[in-house]
N, C-alpha and C. Protein backbone atom coordinates (compact mmCIF):
# COMPACT_ATOMS: atom_id res chain seq x y z
N MET A 1 30.41 -0.85 -4.63
CA MET A 1 29.69 -0.92 -5.88
C MET A 1 29.30 -2.37 -6.21
N GLU A 2 30.13 -3.29 -5.75
CA GLU A 2 29.87 -4.69 -6.00
C GLU A 2 28.61 -5.16 -5.27
N TYR A 3 28.37 -4.59 -4.08
CA TYR A 3 27.18 -4.97 -3.31
C TYR A 3 25.90 -4.54 -4.02
N ILE A 4 25.94 -3.41 -4.68
CA ILE A 4 24.76 -2.95 -5.43
C ILE A 4 24.47 -3.89 -6.58
N ALA A 5 25.50 -4.34 -7.28
CA ALA A 5 25.33 -5.29 -8.38
C ALA A 5 24.79 -6.62 -7.86
N LEU A 6 25.31 -7.08 -6.73
CA LEU A 6 24.81 -8.32 -6.13
C LEU A 6 23.35 -8.20 -5.71
N LEU A 7 22.99 -7.06 -5.11
CA LEU A 7 21.60 -6.83 -4.71
C LEU A 7 20.69 -6.80 -5.92
N LYS A 8 21.11 -6.12 -6.98
CA LYS A 8 20.32 -6.06 -8.21
C LYS A 8 20.12 -7.46 -8.79
N ASP A 9 21.18 -8.23 -8.87
CA ASP A 9 21.08 -9.59 -9.40
C ASP A 9 20.17 -10.46 -8.54
N TRP A 10 20.26 -10.30 -7.22
CA TRP A 10 19.41 -11.08 -6.32
C TRP A 10 17.94 -10.72 -6.51
N ILE A 11 17.64 -9.43 -6.64
CA ILE A 11 16.25 -8.99 -6.82
C ILE A 11 15.70 -9.49 -8.15
N ILE A 12 16.50 -9.41 -9.20
CA ILE A 12 16.06 -9.90 -10.52
C ILE A 12 15.82 -11.40 -10.48
N ALA A 13 16.72 -12.15 -9.84
CA ALA A 13 16.55 -13.60 -9.73
C ALA A 13 15.31 -13.95 -8.92
N LEU A 14 15.08 -13.21 -7.86
CA LEU A 14 13.89 -13.45 -7.04
C LEU A 14 12.62 -13.16 -7.83
N GLY A 15 12.64 -12.10 -8.63
CA GLY A 15 11.50 -11.77 -9.47
C GLY A 15 11.24 -12.85 -10.51
N GLU A 16 12.30 -13.38 -11.11
CA GLU A 16 12.14 -14.45 -12.09
C GLU A 16 11.63 -15.74 -11.44
N LYS A 17 12.11 -16.01 -10.24
CA LYS A 17 11.68 -17.23 -9.53
C LYS A 17 10.18 -17.20 -9.24
N HIS A 18 9.67 -16.02 -8.91
CA HIS A 18 8.25 -15.90 -8.54
C HIS A 18 7.41 -15.28 -9.64
N GLU A 19 7.99 -15.11 -10.83
CA GLU A 19 7.31 -14.57 -12.01
C GLU A 19 6.68 -13.21 -11.74
N VAL A 20 7.42 -12.36 -11.04
CA VAL A 20 6.98 -11.01 -10.74
C VAL A 20 8.04 -10.05 -11.27
N ASP A 21 7.62 -9.00 -11.95
CA ASP A 21 8.55 -8.01 -12.46
C ASP A 21 8.93 -7.06 -11.32
N PRO A 22 10.19 -7.10 -10.86
CA PRO A 22 10.58 -6.28 -9.73
C PRO A 22 10.44 -4.77 -9.99
N LEU A 23 10.71 -4.34 -11.21
CA LEU A 23 10.58 -2.92 -11.54
C LEU A 23 9.13 -2.48 -11.47
N LEU A 24 8.24 -3.31 -12.00
CA LEU A 24 6.81 -3.00 -11.95
C LEU A 24 6.31 -3.00 -10.51
N LEU A 25 6.73 -3.98 -9.73
CA LEU A 25 6.31 -4.05 -8.33
C LEU A 25 6.80 -2.84 -7.55
N GLY A 26 8.06 -2.46 -7.76
CA GLY A 26 8.61 -1.29 -7.09
C GLY A 26 7.91 -0.01 -7.51
N SER A 27 7.62 0.11 -8.80
CA SER A 27 6.91 1.29 -9.30
C SER A 27 5.50 1.36 -8.72
N LEU A 28 4.81 0.23 -8.72
CA LEU A 28 3.47 0.20 -8.13
C LEU A 28 3.51 0.58 -6.66
N TYR A 29 4.52 0.11 -5.96
CA TYR A 29 4.65 0.42 -4.54
C TYR A 29 4.83 1.92 -4.32
N LEU A 30 5.75 2.53 -5.06
CA LEU A 30 5.99 3.96 -4.90
C LEU A 30 4.77 4.79 -5.27
N VAL A 31 4.15 4.48 -6.39
CA VAL A 31 2.97 5.24 -6.83
C VAL A 31 1.83 5.04 -5.84
N SER A 32 1.68 3.83 -5.34
CA SER A 32 0.56 3.58 -4.42
C SER A 32 0.74 4.34 -3.11
N LYS A 33 1.95 4.45 -2.63
CA LYS A 33 2.16 5.16 -1.36
C LYS A 33 1.95 6.66 -1.52
N VAL A 34 2.38 7.22 -2.64
CA VAL A 34 2.15 8.65 -2.90
C VAL A 34 0.65 8.93 -3.03
N SER A 35 -0.05 8.08 -3.78
CA SER A 35 -1.49 8.29 -3.94
C SER A 35 -2.23 8.02 -2.62
N PHE A 36 -1.76 7.08 -1.83
CA PHE A 36 -2.37 6.81 -0.53
C PHE A 36 -2.32 8.04 0.36
N VAL A 37 -1.16 8.65 0.45
CA VAL A 37 -1.01 9.85 1.28
C VAL A 37 -1.87 10.99 0.73
N THR A 38 -1.92 11.13 -0.59
CA THR A 38 -2.74 12.17 -1.21
C THR A 38 -4.22 11.98 -0.89
N PHE A 39 -4.71 10.76 -1.08
CA PHE A 39 -6.12 10.49 -0.80
C PHE A 39 -6.44 10.62 0.68
N LEU A 40 -5.51 10.23 1.53
CA LEU A 40 -5.73 10.38 2.97
C LEU A 40 -5.80 11.86 3.35
N GLY A 41 -4.99 12.68 2.71
CA GLY A 41 -5.09 14.12 2.92
C GLY A 41 -6.42 14.66 2.46
N TRP A 42 -6.94 14.12 1.37
CA TRP A 42 -8.25 14.52 0.86
C TRP A 42 -9.34 14.13 1.87
N VAL A 43 -9.21 12.97 2.47
CA VAL A 43 -10.17 12.53 3.49
C VAL A 43 -10.17 13.52 4.66
N ILE A 44 -8.98 13.87 5.13
CA ILE A 44 -8.88 14.78 6.27
C ILE A 44 -9.43 16.15 5.91
N ARG A 45 -9.15 16.62 4.70
CA ARG A 45 -9.70 17.91 4.25
C ARG A 45 -11.23 17.87 4.22
N ASN A 46 -11.79 16.78 3.70
CA ASN A 46 -13.25 16.65 3.66
C ASN A 46 -13.84 16.58 5.06
N LEU A 47 -13.13 15.94 5.98
CA LEU A 47 -13.61 15.90 7.36
C LEU A 47 -13.65 17.31 7.96
N ARG A 48 -12.61 18.09 7.70
CA ARG A 48 -12.57 19.46 8.22
C ARG A 48 -13.69 20.31 7.66
N LEU A 49 -14.00 20.08 6.37
CA LEU A 49 -15.05 20.85 5.72
C LEU A 49 -16.43 20.24 5.93
N LYS A 50 -16.46 19.14 6.70
CA LYS A 50 -17.71 18.42 6.99
C LYS A 50 -18.41 17.96 5.71
N LYS A 51 -17.60 17.47 4.76
CA LYS A 51 -18.10 16.91 3.51
C LYS A 51 -18.00 15.39 3.57
N ALA A 52 -18.59 14.74 2.58
CA ALA A 52 -18.52 13.28 2.50
C ALA A 52 -17.08 12.85 2.23
N PHE A 53 -16.64 11.81 2.92
CA PHE A 53 -15.26 11.35 2.77
C PHE A 53 -15.17 9.89 2.36
N THR A 54 -16.28 9.31 1.96
CA THR A 54 -16.30 7.89 1.61
C THR A 54 -15.48 7.59 0.36
N VAL A 55 -15.65 8.37 -0.69
CA VAL A 55 -14.94 8.11 -1.95
C VAL A 55 -13.43 8.25 -1.77
N PRO A 56 -12.92 9.36 -1.18
CA PRO A 56 -11.47 9.42 -1.01
C PRO A 56 -10.93 8.34 -0.07
N LEU A 57 -11.73 7.93 0.91
CA LEU A 57 -11.30 6.86 1.80
C LEU A 57 -11.22 5.53 1.05
N LEU A 58 -12.17 5.28 0.18
CA LEU A 58 -12.14 4.08 -0.66
C LEU A 58 -10.93 4.11 -1.60
N LEU A 59 -10.67 5.27 -2.19
CA LEU A 59 -9.51 5.40 -3.09
C LEU A 59 -8.20 5.22 -2.32
N ALA A 60 -8.13 5.71 -1.10
CA ALA A 60 -6.94 5.52 -0.28
C ALA A 60 -6.73 4.04 0.01
N SER A 61 -7.80 3.34 0.30
CA SER A 61 -7.70 1.90 0.58
C SER A 61 -7.25 1.12 -0.65
N VAL A 62 -7.81 1.46 -1.79
CA VAL A 62 -7.43 0.77 -3.03
C VAL A 62 -5.98 1.07 -3.38
N SER A 63 -5.57 2.32 -3.25
CA SER A 63 -4.19 2.66 -3.59
C SER A 63 -3.20 1.99 -2.65
N PHE A 64 -3.58 1.80 -1.40
CA PHE A 64 -2.71 1.11 -0.45
C PHE A 64 -2.47 -0.34 -0.88
N SER A 65 -3.48 -0.97 -1.46
CA SER A 65 -3.41 -2.41 -1.72
C SER A 65 -2.91 -2.78 -3.10
N ILE A 66 -2.71 -1.84 -4.00
CA ILE A 66 -2.35 -2.15 -5.39
C ILE A 66 -1.12 -3.05 -5.52
N PRO A 67 0.02 -2.74 -4.91
CA PRO A 67 1.18 -3.62 -5.13
C PRO A 67 0.99 -5.03 -4.55
N TYR A 68 0.25 -5.13 -3.47
CA TYR A 68 0.02 -6.43 -2.85
C TYR A 68 -0.93 -7.28 -3.69
N VAL A 69 -1.91 -6.64 -4.29
CA VAL A 69 -2.83 -7.37 -5.17
C VAL A 69 -2.06 -7.87 -6.40
N TYR A 70 -1.17 -7.03 -6.93
CA TYR A 70 -0.34 -7.46 -8.06
C TYR A 70 0.48 -8.69 -7.67
N LEU A 71 1.08 -8.67 -6.50
CA LEU A 71 1.88 -9.80 -6.04
C LEU A 71 1.03 -11.06 -5.90
N ILE A 72 -0.19 -10.92 -5.38
CA ILE A 72 -1.07 -12.08 -5.23
C ILE A 72 -1.49 -12.63 -6.58
N ILE A 73 -1.81 -11.74 -7.53
CA ILE A 73 -2.30 -12.18 -8.84
C ILE A 73 -1.16 -12.73 -9.71
N ALA A 74 -0.05 -12.01 -9.80
CA ALA A 74 1.01 -12.37 -10.74
C ALA A 74 2.03 -13.35 -10.16
N GLY A 75 2.18 -13.36 -8.85
CA GLY A 75 3.21 -14.17 -8.23
C GLY A 75 2.94 -15.66 -8.28
N ARG A 76 4.00 -16.42 -8.43
CA ARG A 76 3.92 -17.89 -8.43
C ARG A 76 4.93 -18.41 -7.42
N ASN A 77 4.61 -19.54 -6.80
CA ASN A 77 5.50 -20.19 -5.84
C ASN A 77 5.89 -19.27 -4.69
N ILE A 78 4.97 -18.47 -4.25
CA ILE A 78 5.23 -17.54 -3.16
C ILE A 78 4.95 -18.26 -1.84
N PRO A 79 5.86 -18.15 -0.87
CA PRO A 79 5.66 -18.84 0.41
C PRO A 79 4.41 -18.34 1.15
N VAL A 80 3.87 -19.20 1.98
CA VAL A 80 2.66 -18.88 2.73
C VAL A 80 2.87 -17.67 3.64
N TRP A 81 4.07 -17.52 4.20
CA TRP A 81 4.30 -16.42 5.13
C TRP A 81 4.14 -15.06 4.44
N VAL A 82 4.37 -15.02 3.12
CA VAL A 82 4.19 -13.76 2.38
C VAL A 82 2.71 -13.41 2.34
N TYR A 83 1.86 -14.41 2.11
CA TYR A 83 0.42 -14.16 2.10
C TYR A 83 -0.07 -13.73 3.48
N VAL A 84 0.45 -14.35 4.52
CA VAL A 84 0.10 -13.95 5.88
C VAL A 84 0.53 -12.51 6.13
N PHE A 85 1.73 -12.17 5.68
CA PHE A 85 2.24 -10.81 5.82
C PHE A 85 1.34 -9.81 5.09
N ILE A 86 0.90 -10.16 3.88
CA ILE A 86 0.02 -9.28 3.11
C ILE A 86 -1.30 -9.07 3.85
N VAL A 87 -1.87 -10.14 4.38
CA VAL A 87 -3.12 -10.01 5.14
C VAL A 87 -2.90 -9.11 6.36
N LEU A 88 -1.79 -9.30 7.05
CA LEU A 88 -1.50 -8.44 8.20
C LEU A 88 -1.31 -6.98 7.78
N MET A 89 -0.71 -6.76 6.62
CA MET A 89 -0.57 -5.39 6.10
C MET A 89 -1.93 -4.78 5.82
N PHE A 90 -2.85 -5.55 5.24
CA PHE A 90 -4.20 -5.04 4.98
C PHE A 90 -4.90 -4.69 6.29
N VAL A 91 -4.79 -5.58 7.27
CA VAL A 91 -5.44 -5.34 8.56
C VAL A 91 -4.83 -4.10 9.22
N TYR A 92 -3.51 -4.02 9.24
CA TYR A 92 -2.86 -2.87 9.84
C TYR A 92 -3.17 -1.58 9.07
N GLY A 93 -3.20 -1.66 7.75
CA GLY A 93 -3.53 -0.49 6.93
C GLY A 93 -4.94 0.01 7.20
N GLY A 94 -5.88 -0.92 7.28
CA GLY A 94 -7.26 -0.53 7.59
C GLY A 94 -7.37 0.09 8.97
N TYR A 95 -6.69 -0.52 9.93
CA TYR A 95 -6.70 0.02 11.30
C TYR A 95 -6.05 1.39 11.35
N SER A 96 -4.94 1.54 10.64
CA SER A 96 -4.22 2.82 10.62
C SER A 96 -5.08 3.92 10.00
N ILE A 97 -5.72 3.62 8.88
CA ILE A 97 -6.61 4.61 8.25
C ILE A 97 -7.74 4.96 9.20
N TRP A 98 -8.34 3.95 9.80
CA TRP A 98 -9.46 4.20 10.71
C TRP A 98 -9.03 5.09 11.87
N LYS A 99 -7.85 4.79 12.45
CA LYS A 99 -7.35 5.59 13.58
C LYS A 99 -7.10 7.04 13.17
N LYS A 100 -6.45 7.24 12.03
CA LYS A 100 -6.15 8.60 11.58
C LYS A 100 -7.42 9.40 11.33
N VAL A 101 -8.39 8.76 10.72
CA VAL A 101 -9.64 9.46 10.40
C VAL A 101 -10.41 9.76 11.68
N THR A 102 -10.49 8.80 12.60
CA THR A 102 -11.26 9.06 13.82
C THR A 102 -10.57 10.08 14.72
N ILE A 103 -9.24 10.08 14.76
CA ILE A 103 -8.52 11.07 15.57
C ILE A 103 -8.75 12.46 14.98
N LYS A 104 -8.63 12.59 13.67
CA LYS A 104 -8.86 13.90 13.03
C LYS A 104 -10.31 14.35 13.23
N GLN A 105 -11.24 13.42 13.15
CA GLN A 105 -12.65 13.78 13.33
C GLN A 105 -12.90 14.23 14.77
N GLU A 106 -12.29 13.56 15.75
CA GLU A 106 -12.44 13.96 17.15
C GLU A 106 -11.83 15.33 17.38
N GLU A 107 -10.68 15.61 16.76
CA GLU A 107 -10.05 16.92 16.90
C GLU A 107 -10.94 18.01 16.30
N LEU A 108 -11.59 17.70 15.19
CA LEU A 108 -12.45 18.68 14.54
C LEU A 108 -13.74 18.90 15.33
N ASP A 109 -14.23 17.86 15.98
CA ASP A 109 -15.46 17.98 16.77
C ASP A 109 -15.23 18.76 18.07
N SER A 110 -14.00 18.77 18.56
CA SER A 110 -13.70 19.45 19.81
C SER A 110 -13.70 20.96 19.65
């Protein structure tokens, strides 16, 4: 139980150091991942029905990036490696979405 208290104190101190609310960041992260999966499912459904998938794909991309944008905007004194990590997450996220959509589209075309 002591380790949980230490972890909580460390997270709160880290949030104060970088002027980021850890609860808000965690909430944004959870909500963004649920909405990302939902919108990605909508994209795949639209692909199967041969409908336009641009809007749900855009919404999936935006929902993926919400917590990272909050960190970039609200965070202070954040190390450079965090920004590099965020950029790599965006690149990987875009690549991952592209791969999932193209694989599903190829399966549907077959």
